[in-house]
């Protein structure tokens, strides 16, 4: 059985870390504005724990991303073929995305 190409788990991990960093910055801004409105130190009991992902979760996320992209390409190709085009364009992706997101 030949292994299909998939996304690199290290790349997926870096993307996750970037998102986690942005979310933490957002939470920090929100907590700062809440502390101004509320008593000082009211939310200081919240513990901030680092976010991480184990290797199996990264492999699974990479595989899910591969399946999602493959399905999007296949559906967009079907639309393009129905329109008589040999090339997938952005409009084909725009047409399949709503149902694709609902299916996943």
Protein backbone atom coordinates (compact mmCIF):
# COMPACT_ATOMS: atom_id res chain seq x y z
CA UNK A 1 0.00 0.00 0.00
CA UNK A 2 1.48 3.31 -1.08
CA UNK A 3 1.39 6.14 1.43
CA UNK A 4 -0.40 9.22 0.13
CA UNK A 5 1.14 12.65 0.46
CA UNK A 6 0.04 14.51 3.53
CA UNK A 7 0.82 17.78 5.27
CA UNK A 8 3.92 17.86 7.43
CA UNK A 9 2.91 17.55 11.11
CA UNK A 10 5.63 20.07 12.03
CA UNK A 11 4.05 22.63 9.70
CA UNK A 12 0.62 21.97 11.21
CA UNK A 13 2.12 22.36 14.69
CA UNK A 14 3.64 25.73 13.77
CA UNK A 15 0.27 26.89 12.42
CA UNK A 16 -1.44 25.76 15.63
CA UNK A 17 1.15 27.59 17.76
CA UNK A 18 0.60 30.78 15.77
CA UNK A 19 -3.17 30.56 16.28
CA UNK A 20 -2.73 29.78 19.99
CA UNK A 21 -0.42 32.78 20.40
CA UNK A 22 -2.95 35.09 18.72
CA UNK A 23 -5.81 33.74 20.85
CA UNK A 24 -3.76 34.23 24.01
CA UNK A 25 -3.04 37.83 23.00
CA UNK A 26 -6.76 38.41 22.39
CA UNK A 27 -7.64 36.94 25.78
CA UNK A 28 -5.02 39.14 27.41
CA UNK A 29 -6.55 42.25 25.86
CA UNK A 30 -10.06 41.17 26.87
CA UNK A 31 -9.02 40.42 30.44
CA UNK A 32 -7.25 43.77 30.69
CA UNK A 33 -10.39 45.64 29.66
CA UNK A 34 -12.49 43.53 32.07
CA UNK A 35 -10.10 44.28 34.93
CA UNK A 36 -10.52 48.01 34.33
CA UNK A 37 -14.30 47.65 34.66
CA UNK A 38 -14.21 45.20 37.60
CA UNK A 39 -12.26 45.10 40.83
CA UNK A 40 -8.51 44.92 40.47
CA UNK A 41 -7.29 41.36 40.91
CA UNK A 42 -10.73 39.82 40.50
CA UNK A 43 -9.58 37.54 37.68
CA UNK A 44 -6.07 36.99 39.00
CA UNK A 45 -7.00 33.51 40.23
CA UNK A 46 -7.16 32.19 36.65
CA UNK A 47 -4.23 29.97 35.81
CA UNK A 48 -2.58 30.39 32.45
CA UNK A 49 -1.45 27.01 31.18
CA UNK A 50 0.61 26.48 28.05
CA UNK A 51 -1.17 24.87 25.12
CA UNK A 52 0.42 21.91 23.39
CA UNK A 53 -0.44 19.04 21.05
CA UNK A 54 0.94 15.52 21.13
CA UNK A 55 2.38 13.79 18.07
CA UNK A 56 -0.71 11.66 17.39
CA UNK A 57 -2.98 14.71 17.43
CA UNK A 58 -0.69 16.45 14.93
CA UNK A 59 -0.67 13.41 12.63
CA UNK A 60 -4.45 13.19 12.80
CA UNK A 61 -4.82 16.93 12.12
CA UNK A 62 -2.48 16.61 9.12
CA UNK A 63 -4.51 13.72 7.72
CA UNK A 64 -7.80 15.57 8.26
CA UNK A 65 -6.40 18.59 6.45
CA UNK A 66 -5.24 16.38 3.55
CA UNK A 67 -8.69 14.77 3.23
CA UNK A 68 -10.39 18.18 3.42
CA UNK A 69 -8.21 19.65 0.65
CA UNK A 70 -8.56 16.54 -1.54
CA UNK A 71 -12.34 16.66 -1.19
CA UNK A 72 -12.41 20.38 -2.01
CA UNK A 73 -10.33 19.79 -5.15
CA UNK A 74 -12.52 16.89 -6.24
CA UNK A 75 -15.76 18.83 -5.77
CA UNK A 76 -14.37 21.93 -7.49
CA UNK A 77 -13.14 19.78 -10.40
CA UNK A 78 -16.62 18.32 -10.78
CA UNK A 79 -18.12 21.82 -11.01
CA UNK A 80 -15.43 22.93 -13.45
CA UNK A 81 -16.01 19.87 -15.63
CA UNK A 82 -19.77 20.47 -15.64
CA UNK A 83 -19.10 23.99 -16.91
CA UNK A 84 -16.78 22.67 -19.63
CA UNK A 85 -13.62 24.05 -18.07
CA UNK A 86 -10.37 22.11 -17.71
CA UNK A 87 -9.04 24.41 -15.00
CA UNK A 88 -10.31 24.91 -11.44
CA UNK A 89 -10.87 28.58 -10.71
CA UNK A 90 -11.68 30.49 -7.54
CA UNK A 91 -15.35 30.68 -8.49
CA UNK A 92 -15.56 26.88 -8.52
CA UNK A 93 -14.16 26.75 -4.99
CA UNK A 94 -16.54 29.49 -3.86
CA UNK A 95 -19.48 27.44 -5.09
CA UNK A 96 -18.52 24.24 -3.26
CA UNK A 97 -17.26 25.69 0.03
CA UNK A 98 -20.60 26.20 1.85
CA UNK A 99 -21.65 22.56 1.45
CA UNK A 100 -18.11 21.29 2.07
CA UNK A 101 -17.92 23.11 5.38
CA UNK A 102 -21.28 21.69 6.38
CA UNK A 103 -20.15 18.18 5.47
CA UNK A 104 -17.00 18.42 7.57
